[in-house]
């Protein structure tokens, strides 16, 4: 059985709201000056804590007791990630189109969470057996990668733009 959610965020806002039938059921906040985040979905409250300076590892922390539940390992070009839970379960997250507007999280246990984005401010989540932890983590990864991609593009293109002026 699938559950369908929508998510919304204002342009340049750090907060995304997860809705089911237009009723809020979750929220994700990513810091303004840091890629760390926190959020809740259904009965799960999580924090996402970036580790190291290479932006490749993020700890998934239970916000109620501070226990590390797992890690997210990002690949070097931010198109794929692995979610490795302390239970030993491993899930993959990846971009599924060249516009970076569709993503999928899946696992060997039959879990599948499909994310669809309409270029940044809203989208849908189709959850097939995914836990609240996985749904929220997948949305965090998508927003983290989107933010880092914009940062890299700004670093690359602002000097070119200024040179033209």
N, C-alpha and C. Protein backbone atom coordinates (compact mmCIF):
# COMPACT_ATOMS: atom_id res chain seq x y z
N UNK A 1 0.84 -1.18 0.00
CA UNK A 1 0.00 0.00 0.00
C UNK A 1 0.88 1.24 0.00
N UNK A 2 0.60 2.15 -0.88
CA UNK A 2 1.36 3.39 -0.99
C UNK A 2 0.66 4.53 -0.27
N UNK A 3 1.46 5.39 0.30
CA UNK A 3 0.95 6.64 0.87
C UNK A 3 1.53 7.78 0.05
N UNK A 4 0.71 8.75 -0.28
CA UNK A 4 1.16 9.87 -1.09
C UNK A 4 1.11 11.15 -0.26
N UNK A 5 2.21 11.86 -0.30
CA UNK A 5 2.36 13.12 0.43
C UNK A 5 2.78 14.20 -0.56
N UNK A 6 2.62 15.43 -0.17
CA UNK A 6 3.19 16.54 -0.92
C UNK A 6 4.13 17.28 0.02
N UNK A 7 5.05 18.01 -0.55
CA UNK A 7 5.91 18.88 0.25
C UNK A 7 5.95 20.24 -0.42
N UNK A 8 6.07 21.27 0.40
CA UNK A 8 6.11 22.64 -0.09
C UNK A 8 7.17 23.42 0.65
N UNK A 9 7.77 24.34 -0.05
CA UNK A 9 8.66 25.31 0.60
C UNK A 9 8.66 26.57 -0.24
N UNK A 10 8.83 27.69 0.43
CA UNK A 10 8.91 28.95 -0.28
C UNK A 10 10.30 29.09 -0.89
N UNK A 11 10.38 29.80 -2.00
CA UNK A 11 11.66 30.02 -2.65
C UNK A 11 12.64 30.67 -1.68
N UNK A 12 13.83 30.16 -1.61
CA UNK A 12 14.91 30.63 -0.72
C UNK A 12 14.59 30.45 0.76
N UNK A 13 13.61 29.62 1.08
CA UNK A 13 13.27 29.35 2.48
C UNK A 13 14.01 28.10 2.92
N UNK A 14 14.27 27.99 4.20
CA UNK A 14 14.98 26.84 4.76
C UNK A 14 14.03 25.76 5.25
N UNK A 15 12.73 26.02 5.24
CA UNK A 15 11.77 25.10 5.82
C UNK A 15 10.86 24.49 4.75
N UNK A 16 10.75 23.17 4.79
CA UNK A 16 9.82 22.45 3.94
C UNK A 16 8.75 21.82 4.82
N UNK A 17 7.52 21.86 4.36
CA UNK A 17 6.41 21.25 5.09
C UNK A 17 5.92 20.04 4.31
N UNK A 18 5.74 18.93 4.99
CA UNK A 18 5.22 17.71 4.38
C UNK A 18 3.73 17.63 4.71
N UNK A 19 2.91 17.42 3.69
CA UNK A 19 1.46 17.42 3.86
C UNK A 19 0.86 16.11 3.37
N UNK A 20 -0.24 15.71 4.00
CA UNK A 20 -1.05 14.62 3.48
C UNK A 20 -2.48 15.13 3.46
N UNK A 21 -3.07 15.17 2.28
CA UNK A 21 -4.41 15.74 2.10
C UNK A 21 -4.48 17.17 2.63
N UNK A 22 -3.44 17.95 2.33
CA UNK A 22 -3.31 19.35 2.73
C UNK A 22 -3.17 19.57 4.24
N UNK A 23 -2.99 18.51 5.02
CA UNK A 23 -2.77 18.62 6.46
C UNK A 23 -1.29 18.38 6.75
N UNK A 24 -0.65 19.28 7.52
CA UNK A 24 0.77 19.09 7.85
C UNK A 24 1.01 17.82 8.66
N UNK A 25 1.96 17.01 8.21
CA UNK A 25 2.34 15.79 8.94
C UNK A 25 3.84 15.75 9.21
N UNK A 26 4.57 16.74 8.72
CA UNK A 26 6.00 16.77 8.93
C UNK A 26 6.62 18.07 8.49
N UNK A 27 7.88 18.23 8.85
CA UNK A 27 8.59 19.46 8.52
C UNK A 27 10.08 19.17 8.48
N UNK A 28 10.79 19.86 7.62
CA UNK A 28 12.24 19.74 7.51
C UNK A 28 12.82 21.14 7.46
N UNK A 29 13.80 21.40 8.31
CA UNK A 29 14.50 22.67 8.34
C UNK A 29 15.98 22.42 8.11
N UNK A 30 16.57 23.19 7.21
CA UNK A 30 18.02 23.14 6.99
C UNK A 30 18.56 24.52 7.32
N UNK A 31 19.67 24.56 8.06
CA UNK A 31 20.22 25.83 8.52
C UNK A 31 20.55 26.78 7.38
N UNK A 32 20.51 28.06 7.69
CA UNK A 32 20.82 29.09 6.70
C UNK A 32 22.28 29.03 6.28
N UNK A 33 23.18 28.93 7.23
CA UNK A 33 24.62 28.97 6.94
C UNK A 33 25.30 27.64 7.14
N UNK A 34 24.53 26.60 7.38
CA UNK A 34 25.09 25.27 7.57
C UNK A 34 24.18 24.24 6.91
N UNK A 35 24.71 23.15 6.41
CA UNK A 35 23.86 22.13 5.81
C UNK A 35 23.23 21.18 6.84
N UNK A 36 23.46 21.43 8.13
CA UNK A 36 22.81 20.61 9.14
C UNK A 36 21.30 20.87 9.11
N UNK A 37 20.53 19.87 9.48
CA UNK A 37 19.08 20.03 9.44
C UNK A 37 18.41 19.31 10.58
N UNK A 38 17.12 19.58 10.71
CA UNK A 38 16.31 18.88 11.69
C UNK A 38 14.88 18.84 11.18
N UNK A 39 14.16 17.85 11.63
CA UNK A 39 12.79 17.76 11.17
C UNK A 39 12.03 16.67 11.88
N UNK A 40 10.76 16.59 11.54
CA UNK A 40 9.92 15.52 12.06
C UNK A 40 8.98 15.06 10.94
N UNK A 41 8.61 13.80 11.03
CA UNK A 41 7.65 13.24 10.11
C UNK A 41 6.94 12.13 10.85
N UNK A 42 5.62 12.22 10.90
CA UNK A 42 4.81 11.30 11.66
C UNK A 42 5.36 11.24 13.09
N UNK A 43 5.85 10.11 13.55
CA UNK A 43 6.30 10.00 14.94
C UNK A 43 7.81 10.09 15.11
N UNK A 44 8.54 10.50 14.09
CA UNK A 44 10.01 10.49 14.11
C UNK A 44 10.55 11.92 14.10
N UNK A 45 11.40 12.25 15.09
CA UNK A 45 12.10 13.54 15.12
C UNK A 45 13.58 13.27 14.89
N UNK A 46 14.15 13.93 13.88
CA UNK A 46 15.54 13.66 13.50
C UNK A 46 16.35 14.94 13.38
N UNK A 47 17.65 14.77 13.56
CA UNK A 47 18.63 15.81 13.22
C UNK A 47 19.59 15.21 12.20
N UNK A 48 20.06 16.04 11.29
CA UNK A 48 21.04 15.64 10.29
C UNK A 48 22.28 16.47 10.51
N UNK A 49 23.39 15.81 10.83
CA UNK A 49 24.61 16.49 11.24
C UNK A 49 25.74 16.14 10.26
N UNK A 50 26.21 17.15 9.55
CA UNK A 50 27.29 16.97 8.59
C UNK A 50 28.58 16.68 9.35
N UNK A 51 29.32 15.68 8.88
CA UNK A 51 30.59 15.32 9.49
C UNK A 51 31.71 15.54 8.49
N UNK A 52 32.77 16.19 8.91
CA UNK A 52 33.92 16.41 8.05
C UNK A 52 33.75 17.61 7.15
N UNK A 53 34.80 17.95 6.47
CA UNK A 53 34.79 19.14 5.61
C UNK A 53 34.57 18.80 4.15
N UNK A 54 34.45 17.50 3.81
CA UNK A 54 34.30 17.12 2.41
C UNK A 54 32.84 17.03 1.97
N UNK A 55 31.91 17.22 2.90
CA UNK A 55 30.48 17.17 2.60
C UNK A 55 30.07 15.82 2.02
N UNK A 56 30.63 14.74 2.56
CA UNK A 56 30.33 13.41 2.05
C UNK A 56 29.58 12.54 3.06
N UNK A 57 29.59 12.88 4.35
CA UNK A 57 28.96 12.05 5.38
C UNK A 57 28.06 12.91 6.26
N UNK A 58 26.86 12.41 6.48
CA UNK A 58 25.88 13.07 7.34
C UNK A 58 25.37 12.04 8.33
N UNK A 59 25.41 12.36 9.62
CA UNK A 59 24.85 11.47 10.63
C UNK A 59 23.35 11.72 10.76
N UNK A 60 22.60 10.64 10.93
CA UNK A 60 21.16 10.70 11.20
C UNK A 60 21.01 10.47 12.70
N UNK A 61 20.50 11.48 13.41
CA UNK A 61 20.44 11.43 14.87
C UNK A 61 18.99 11.53 15.33
N UNK A 62 18.61 10.66 16.28
CA UNK A 62 17.29 10.75 16.90
C UNK A 62 17.28 12.00 17.76
N UNK A 63 16.41 12.95 17.45
CA UNK A 63 16.40 14.24 18.15
C UNK A 63 15.87 14.13 19.57
N UNK A 64 15.19 13.06 19.91
CA UNK A 64 14.65 12.94 21.26
C UNK A 64 15.67 12.42 22.27
N UNK A 65 16.60 11.57 21.82
CA UNK A 65 17.57 11.01 22.78
C UNK A 65 19.03 11.18 22.37
N UNK A 66 19.28 11.77 21.21
CA UNK A 66 20.65 12.02 20.76
C UNK A 66 21.38 10.81 20.19
N UNK A 67 20.69 9.70 20.04
CA UNK A 67 21.33 8.48 19.54
C UNK A 67 21.50 8.55 18.02
N UNK A 68 22.71 8.18 17.56
CA UNK A 68 22.96 8.13 16.12
C UNK A 68 22.29 6.87 15.57
N UNK A 69 21.40 7.06 14.58
CA UNK A 69 20.64 5.95 14.01
C UNK A 69 21.28 5.39 12.74
N UNK A 70 22.15 6.19 12.12
CA UNK A 70 22.79 5.77 10.89
C UNK A 70 23.52 6.92 10.25
N UNK A 71 24.01 6.70 9.04
CA UNK A 71 24.72 7.74 8.31
C UNK A 71 24.26 7.76 6.86
N UNK A 72 24.45 8.91 6.26
CA UNK A 72 24.25 9.08 4.83
C UNK A 72 25.63 9.28 4.23
N UNK A 73 25.97 8.47 3.23
CA UNK A 73 27.23 8.61 2.50
C UNK A 73 26.91 9.12 1.10
N UNK A 74 27.37 10.32 0.78
CA UNK A 74 27.12 10.93 -0.52
C UNK A 74 28.27 10.64 -1.47
N UNK A 75 27.95 10.44 -2.75
CA UNK A 75 29.04 10.26 -3.71
C UNK A 75 29.63 11.64 -4.05
N UNK A 76 30.75 11.64 -4.72
CA UNK A 76 31.50 12.88 -4.95
C UNK A 76 30.80 13.92 -5.79
N UNK A 77 29.87 13.52 -6.64
CA UNK A 77 29.20 14.51 -7.50
C UNK A 77 27.74 14.71 -7.11
N UNK A 78 27.37 14.22 -5.94
CA UNK A 78 26.05 14.45 -5.35
C UNK A 78 24.89 14.01 -6.23
N UNK A 79 24.99 12.84 -6.84
CA UNK A 79 23.88 12.29 -7.60
C UNK A 79 23.37 10.99 -6.98
N UNK A 80 24.13 10.45 -6.03
CA UNK A 80 23.75 9.22 -5.36
C UNK A 80 24.14 9.30 -3.90
N UNK A 81 23.44 8.50 -3.09
CA UNK A 81 23.78 8.41 -1.68
C UNK A 81 23.41 7.03 -1.17
N UNK A 82 24.05 6.63 -0.10
CA UNK A 82 23.69 5.41 0.60
C UNK A 82 23.26 5.81 2.00
N UNK A 83 22.16 5.24 2.44
CA UNK A 83 21.71 5.41 3.83
C UNK A 83 22.03 4.10 4.52
N UNK A 84 22.91 4.17 5.51
CA UNK A 84 23.35 2.97 6.22
C UNK A 84 22.86 3.10 7.66
N UNK A 85 21.89 2.27 8.02
CA UNK A 85 21.33 2.32 9.37
C UNK A 85 22.11 1.42 10.32
N UNK A 86 22.06 1.75 11.60
CA UNK A 86 22.77 0.94 12.60
C UNK A 86 22.25 -0.49 12.65
N UNK A 87 21.03 -0.71 12.19
CA UNK A 87 20.46 -2.06 12.16
C UNK A 87 21.12 -2.93 11.11
N UNK A 88 21.95 -2.33 10.24
CA UNK A 88 22.62 -3.06 9.17
C UNK A 88 21.92 -2.92 7.82
N UNK A 89 20.72 -2.35 7.81
CA UNK A 89 20.01 -2.16 6.54
C UNK A 89 20.66 -1.02 5.75
N UNK A 90 20.73 -1.21 4.44
CA UNK A 90 21.33 -0.21 3.55
C UNK A 90 20.32 0.13 2.47
N UNK A 91 20.15 1.42 2.24
CA UNK A 91 19.23 1.92 1.22
C UNK A 91 20.01 2.81 0.26
N UNK A 92 19.55 2.86 -0.97
CA UNK A 92 20.21 3.74 -1.94
C UNK A 92 19.26 4.87 -2.31
N UNK A 93 19.82 6.02 -2.55
CA UNK A 93 19.09 7.21 -2.99
C UNK A 93 19.79 7.69 -4.25
N UNK A 94 19.01 8.00 -5.29
CA UNK A 94 19.66 8.50 -6.51
C UNK A 94 18.73 9.41 -7.29
N UNK A 95 19.35 10.27 -8.06
CA UNK A 95 18.65 11.14 -9.00
C UNK A 95 18.26 10.27 -10.19
N UNK A 96 17.03 10.44 -10.70
CA UNK A 96 16.60 9.58 -11.81
C UNK A 96 16.36 10.34 -13.11
N UNK A 97 16.62 11.63 -13.14
CA UNK A 97 16.53 12.35 -14.42
C UNK A 97 17.60 13.44 -14.48
N UNK A 98 17.89 13.93 -15.65
CA UNK A 98 19.00 14.88 -15.82
C UNK A 98 18.68 16.27 -15.27
N UNK A 99 17.41 16.60 -15.03
CA UNK A 99 17.05 17.89 -14.45
C UNK A 99 17.18 17.91 -12.93
N UNK A 100 17.46 16.76 -12.32
CA UNK A 100 17.56 16.64 -10.87
C UNK A 100 16.23 16.98 -10.20
N UNK A 101 15.12 16.55 -10.80
CA UNK A 101 13.80 16.81 -10.23
C UNK A 101 13.07 15.54 -9.81
N UNK A 102 13.67 14.39 -10.03
CA UNK A 102 13.08 13.12 -9.61
C UNK A 102 14.16 12.29 -8.93
N UNK A 103 13.78 11.72 -7.78
CA UNK A 103 14.72 10.93 -7.00
C UNK A 103 14.01 9.68 -6.51
N UNK A 104 14.77 8.68 -6.21
CA UNK A 104 14.20 7.44 -5.66
C UNK A 104 15.10 6.92 -4.54
N UNK A 105 14.46 6.43 -3.50
CA UNK A 105 15.15 5.78 -2.40
C UNK A 105 14.61 4.35 -2.37
N UNK A 106 15.49 3.38 -2.42
CA UNK A 106 15.00 2.00 -2.36
C UNK A 106 15.97 1.11 -1.61
N UNK A 107 15.43 -0.04 -1.21
CA UNK A 107 16.22 -0.99 -0.44
C UNK A 107 15.87 -2.41 -0.82
N UNK A 108 16.72 -3.34 -0.41
CA UNK A 108 16.52 -4.76 -0.71
C UNK A 108 15.30 -5.32 0.01
N UNK A 109 14.81 -4.62 1.04
CA UNK A 109 13.65 -5.10 1.79
C UNK A 109 12.32 -4.71 1.14
N UNK A 110 12.36 -4.16 -0.08
CA UNK A 110 11.14 -3.78 -0.78
C UNK A 110 10.72 -2.34 -0.56
N UNK A 111 11.45 -1.64 0.27
CA UNK A 111 11.16 -0.22 0.51
C UNK A 111 11.40 0.58 -0.76
N UNK A 112 10.49 1.48 -1.05
CA UNK A 112 10.69 2.40 -2.17
C UNK A 112 9.98 3.70 -1.84
N UNK A 113 10.71 4.79 -1.92
CA UNK A 113 10.15 6.12 -1.74
C UNK A 113 10.53 6.92 -2.97
N UNK A 114 9.52 7.45 -3.66
CA UNK A 114 9.74 8.19 -4.90
C UNK A 114 9.44 9.66 -4.65
N UNK A 115 10.39 10.51 -5.02
CA UNK A 115 10.27 11.95 -4.83
C UNK A 115 10.17 12.62 -6.19
N UNK A 116 9.27 13.57 -6.29
CA UNK A 116 9.09 14.32 -7.53
C UNK A 116 9.09 15.80 -7.15
N UNK A 117 9.79 16.61 -7.92
CA UNK A 117 10.00 18.01 -7.59
C UNK A 117 9.66 18.86 -8.80
N UNK A 118 8.93 19.94 -8.59
CA UNK A 118 8.62 20.82 -9.73
C UNK A 118 9.55 22.03 -9.74
N UNK A 119 10.84 21.75 -9.76
CA UNK A 119 11.88 22.79 -9.87
C UNK A 119 12.05 23.60 -8.59
N UNK A 120 11.86 22.98 -7.43
CA UNK A 120 12.34 23.61 -6.22
C UNK A 120 11.38 23.95 -5.12
N UNK A 121 10.14 24.31 -5.39
CA UNK A 121 9.30 24.82 -4.32
C UNK A 121 8.22 23.87 -3.85
N UNK A 122 7.94 22.81 -4.58
CA UNK A 122 6.97 21.82 -4.12
C UNK A 122 7.17 20.53 -4.89
N UNK A 123 6.58 19.48 -4.35
CA UNK A 123 6.71 18.20 -5.00
C UNK A 123 5.86 17.17 -4.32
N UNK A 124 6.05 15.91 -4.73
CA UNK A 124 5.28 14.82 -4.15
C UNK A 124 6.22 13.74 -3.65
N UNK A 125 5.70 12.95 -2.71
CA UNK A 125 6.43 11.82 -2.15
C UNK A 125 5.48 10.62 -2.19
N UNK A 126 5.89 9.58 -2.87
CA UNK A 126 5.11 8.33 -2.89
C UNK A 126 5.89 7.33 -2.05
N UNK A 127 5.29 6.93 -0.94
CA UNK A 127 5.97 6.09 0.04
C UNK A 127 5.42 4.67 -0.03
N UNK A 128 6.27 3.74 -0.42
CA UNK A 128 5.91 2.33 -0.47
C UNK A 128 6.74 1.60 0.57
N UNK A 129 6.22 1.45 1.75
CA UNK A 129 6.82 0.71 2.86
C UNK A 129 7.99 1.42 3.54
N UNK A 130 8.25 2.67 3.22
CA UNK A 130 9.35 3.38 3.86
C UNK A 130 8.98 3.89 5.23
N UNK A 131 9.91 3.81 6.16
CA UNK A 131 9.69 4.32 7.51
C UNK A 131 9.73 5.84 7.49
N UNK A 132 9.19 6.50 8.52
CA UNK A 132 9.31 7.96 8.60
C UNK A 132 10.76 8.43 8.53
N UNK A 133 11.68 7.67 9.11
CA UNK A 133 13.11 8.01 9.05
C UNK A 133 13.58 8.09 7.60
N UNK A 134 13.20 7.10 6.79
CA UNK A 134 13.65 7.07 5.40
C UNK A 134 13.02 8.17 4.57
N UNK A 135 11.73 8.43 4.77
CA UNK A 135 11.04 9.49 4.01
C UNK A 135 11.70 10.84 4.29
N UNK A 136 11.93 11.14 5.56
CA UNK A 136 12.53 12.43 5.93
C UNK A 136 13.99 12.51 5.49
N UNK A 137 14.73 11.42 5.62
CA UNK A 137 16.14 11.42 5.20
C UNK A 137 16.26 11.63 3.70
N UNK A 138 15.41 10.98 2.92
CA UNK A 138 15.44 11.16 1.47
C UNK A 138 15.16 12.59 1.06
N UNK A 139 14.21 13.24 1.73
CA UNK A 139 13.91 14.64 1.43
C UNK A 139 15.09 15.53 1.84
N UNK A 140 15.71 15.24 2.98
CA UNK A 140 16.89 16.00 3.40
C UNK A 140 18.00 15.89 2.34
N UNK A 141 18.26 14.68 1.87
CA UNK A 141 19.32 14.49 0.87
C UNK A 141 19.02 15.33 -0.38
N UNK A 142 17.79 15.30 -0.84
CA UNK A 142 17.41 16.06 -2.04
C UNK A 142 17.64 17.55 -1.83
N UNK A 143 17.22 18.07 -0.68
CA UNK A 143 17.40 19.51 -0.43
C UNK A 143 18.86 19.87 -0.22
N UNK A 144 19.61 19.01 0.46
CA UNK A 144 21.04 19.24 0.67
C UNK A 144 21.76 19.30 -0.68
N UNK A 145 21.50 18.32 -1.54
CA UNK A 145 22.16 18.28 -2.84
C UNK A 145 21.74 19.48 -3.70
N UNK A 146 20.47 19.83 -3.66
CA UNK A 146 20.02 21.01 -4.41
C UNK A 146 20.73 22.28 -3.96
N UNK A 147 20.87 22.43 -2.66
CA UNK A 147 21.55 23.61 -2.12
C UNK A 147 23.02 23.63 -2.49
N UNK A 148 23.69 22.49 -2.39
CA UNK A 148 25.11 22.42 -2.72
C UNK A 148 25.34 22.65 -4.22
N UNK A 149 24.44 22.16 -5.05
CA UNK A 149 24.55 22.38 -6.49
C UNK A 149 24.45 23.87 -6.82
N UNK A 150 23.51 24.56 -6.18
CA UNK A 150 23.38 26.01 -6.40
C UNK A 150 24.63 26.75 -5.94
N UNK A 151 25.19 26.33 -4.82
CA UNK A 151 26.40 26.96 -4.31
C UNK A 151 27.56 26.79 -5.29
N UNK A 152 27.74 25.59 -5.81
CA UNK A 152 28.82 25.34 -6.77
C UNK A 152 28.60 26.16 -8.04
N UNK A 153 27.36 26.21 -8.51
CA UNK A 153 27.07 26.99 -9.72
C UNK A 153 27.37 28.47 -9.48
N UNK A 154 27.02 28.98 -8.31
CA UNK A 154 27.30 30.38 -8.00
C UNK A 154 28.81 30.64 -7.99
N UNK A 155 29.55 29.73 -7.37
CA UNK A 155 31.00 29.89 -7.31
C UNK A 155 31.61 29.89 -8.71
N UNK A 156 31.07 29.04 -9.59
CA UNK A 156 31.61 28.95 -10.94
C UNK A 156 31.19 30.11 -11.84
N UNK A 157 29.94 30.54 -11.73
CA UNK A 157 29.41 31.50 -12.70
C UNK A 157 29.46 32.97 -12.27
N UNK A 158 29.55 33.27 -11.00
CA UNK A 158 29.65 34.67 -10.59
C UNK A 158 30.91 35.32 -11.13
N UNK A 159 32.08 34.67 -11.05
CA UNK A 159 33.27 35.30 -11.65
C UNK A 159 33.11 35.55 -13.16
N UNK A 160 32.49 34.63 -13.86
CA UNK A 160 32.26 34.83 -15.29
C UNK A 160 31.32 36.02 -15.54
N UNK A 161 30.27 36.10 -14.75
CA UNK A 161 29.33 37.20 -14.87
C UNK A 161 30.02 38.55 -14.57
N UNK A 162 30.82 38.58 -13.52
CA UNK A 162 31.51 39.81 -13.16
C UNK A 162 32.53 40.22 -14.22
N UNK A 163 33.10 39.25 -14.87
CA UNK A 163 34.07 39.54 -15.93
C UNK A 163 33.40 40.21 -17.13
N UNK A 164 32.16 39.80 -17.40
CA UNK A 164 31.40 40.38 -18.49
C UNK A 164 31.07 41.85 -18.21
N UNK A 165 30.79 42.14 -16.95
CA UNK A 165 30.46 43.52 -16.59
C UNK A 165 31.68 44.36 -16.73
